[in-house]
C-alpha atoms as a PDB file:
ATOM      1  CA  UNK A   1      -7.645 -19.167  -7.387  1.00  0.00           C
ATOM      2  CA  UNK A   2      -5.060 -16.465  -6.866  1.00  0.00           C
ATOM      3  CA  UNK A   3      -6.163 -12.926  -6.037  1.00  0.00           C
ATOM      4  CA  UNK A   4      -3.860 -10.067  -6.954  1.00  0.00           C
ATOM      5  CA  UNK A   5      -3.140  -7.088  -4.737  1.00  0.00           C
ATOM      6  CA  UNK A   6      -4.800  -4.847  -7.328  1.00  0.00           C
ATOM      7  CA  UNK A   7      -7.952  -6.995  -7.207  1.00  0.00           C
ATOM      8  CA  UNK A   8      -8.085  -6.612  -3.436  1.00  0.00           C
ATOM      9  CA  UNK A   9      -7.607  -2.843  -3.640  1.00  0.00           C
ATOM     10  CA  UNK A  10     -10.358  -2.493  -6.214  1.00  0.00           C
ATOM     11  CA  UNK A  11     -12.797  -4.337  -3.929  1.00  0.00           C
ATOM     12  CA  UNK A  12     -12.158  -2.227  -0.818  1.00  0.00           C
ATOM     13  CA  UNK A  13     -13.689   1.255  -0.766  1.00  0.00           C
ATOM     14  CA  UNK A  14     -11.377   3.724   0.971  1.00  0.00           C
ATOM     15  CA  UNK A  15     -14.331   5.684   2.382  1.00  0.00           C
ATOM     16  CA  UNK A  16     -15.670   2.562   4.120  1.00  0.00           C
ATOM     17  CA  UNK A  17     -12.208   1.711   5.441  1.00  0.00           C
ATOM     18  CA  UNK A  18     -11.524   5.188   6.853  1.00  0.00           C
ATOM     19  CA  UNK A  19     -15.004   5.308   8.437  1.00  0.00           C
ATOM     20  CA  UNK A  20     -13.983   2.386  10.627  1.00  0.00           C
ATOM     21  CA  UNK A  21     -11.405   4.633  12.322  1.00  0.00           C
ATOM     22  CA  UNK A  22     -13.014   8.065  12.355  1.00  0.00           C
ATOM     23  CA  UNK A  23     -16.023  10.139  11.456  1.00  0.00           C
ATOM     24  CA  UNK A  24     -15.858  11.709   8.015  1.00  0.00           C
ATOM     25  CA  UNK A  25     -17.949  14.326   6.274  1.00  0.00           C
ATOM     26  CA  UNK A  26     -18.555  15.009   2.604  1.00  0.00           C
ATOM     27  CA  UNK A  27     -16.966  18.232   1.360  1.00  0.00           C
ATOM     28  CA  UNK A  28     -18.125  17.997  -2.261  1.00  0.00           C
ATOM     29  CA  UNK A  29     -19.597  15.412  -4.632  1.00  0.00           C
ATOM     30  CA  UNK A  30     -16.758  12.902  -4.348  1.00  0.00           C
ATOM     31  CA  UNK A  31     -14.437  13.988  -1.562  1.00  0.00           C
ATOM     32  CA  UNK A  32     -14.500  13.667   2.207  1.00  0.00           C
ATOM     33  CA  UNK A  33     -12.549  15.064   5.134  1.00  0.00           C
ATOM     34  CA  UNK A  34     -12.013  13.435   8.506  1.00  0.00           C
ATOM     35  CA  UNK A  35     -13.720  15.241  11.368  1.00  0.00           C
ATOM     36  CA  UNK A  36     -10.831  14.180  13.634  1.00  0.00           C
ATOM     37  CA  UNK A  37      -7.631  12.899  12.068  1.00  0.00           C
ATOM     38  CA  UNK A  38      -6.980   9.350  13.359  1.00  0.00           C
ATOM     39  CA  UNK A  39      -3.346   9.455  12.229  1.00  0.00           C
ATOM     40  CA  UNK A  40      -2.200  12.341  14.448  1.00  0.00           C
ATOM     41  CA  UNK A  41      -3.486  15.036  16.769  1.00  0.00           C
ATOM     42  CA  UNK A  42      -4.299  18.440  15.316  1.00  0.00           C
ATOM     43  CA  UNK A  43      -6.814  21.224  15.913  1.00  0.00           C
ATOM     44  CA  UNK A  44      -8.362  21.046  12.450  1.00  0.00           C
ATOM     45  CA  UNK A  45      -8.210  17.789  10.543  1.00  0.00           C
ATOM     46  CA  UNK A  46      -6.245  17.902   7.325  1.00  0.00           C
ATOM     47  CA  UNK A  47      -6.995  14.311   6.289  1.00  0.00           C
ATOM     48  CA  UNK A  48      -8.812  14.229   2.951  1.00  0.00           C
ATOM     49  CA  UNK A  49     -10.262  11.179   1.211  1.00  0.00           C
ATOM     50  CA  UNK A  50     -10.618  11.212  -2.571  1.00  0.00           C
ATOM     51  CA  UNK A  51     -13.264   8.816  -3.915  1.00  0.00           C
ATOM     52  CA  UNK A  52     -12.336   9.118  -7.605  1.00  0.00           C
ATOM     53  CA  UNK A  53      -8.767   7.963  -7.043  1.00  0.00           C
ATOM     54  CA  UNK A  54      -9.466   5.832  -3.944  1.00  0.00           C
ATOM     55  CA  UNK A  55      -6.638   7.606  -2.120  1.00  0.00           C
ATOM     56  CA  UNK A  56      -6.166   9.734   0.969  1.00  0.00           C
ATOM     57  CA  UNK A  57      -3.838  12.625   1.712  1.00  0.00           C
ATOM     58  CA  UNK A  58      -2.922  14.224   5.032  1.00  0.00           C
ATOM     59  CA  UNK A  59      -1.968  17.797   4.186  1.00  0.00           C
ATOM     60  CA  UNK A  60      -0.496  18.371   7.652  1.00  0.00           C
ATOM     61  CA  UNK A  61       2.072  15.585   7.362  1.00  0.00           C
ATOM     62  CA  UNK A  62       2.368  15.528   3.546  1.00  0.00           C
ATOM     63  CA  UNK A  63       1.660  11.797   3.538  1.00  0.00           C
ATOM     64  CA  UNK A  64      -0.934   9.841   1.649  1.00  0.00           C
ATOM     65  CA  UNK A  65      -1.668   6.675  -0.231  1.00  0.00           C
ATOM     66  CA  UNK A  66      -4.235   4.029  -0.972  1.00  0.00           C
ATOM     67  CA  UNK A  67      -6.441   1.974   1.333  1.00  0.00           C
ATOM     68  CA  UNK A  68      -3.573  -0.360   2.278  1.00  0.00           C
ATOM     69  CA  UNK A  69      -1.282   2.556   3.110  1.00  0.00           C
ATOM     70  CA  UNK A  70      -3.950   3.973   5.410  1.00  0.00           C
END
């Protein structure tokens, strides 16, 4: 059986993946923000995780992506 990359992505929750690297907190019904950004040092974390799209975005570095990019 061959598993596609899309199948793998759909089976990995980005919130669970990011939680392995840092503490996150809910900011509204479906979005989270990292308490401390694991990707770079900054005073206030700008790393946001979006549940609906299963993507993240770091507003401080203007970089983002899916669970594999993280």
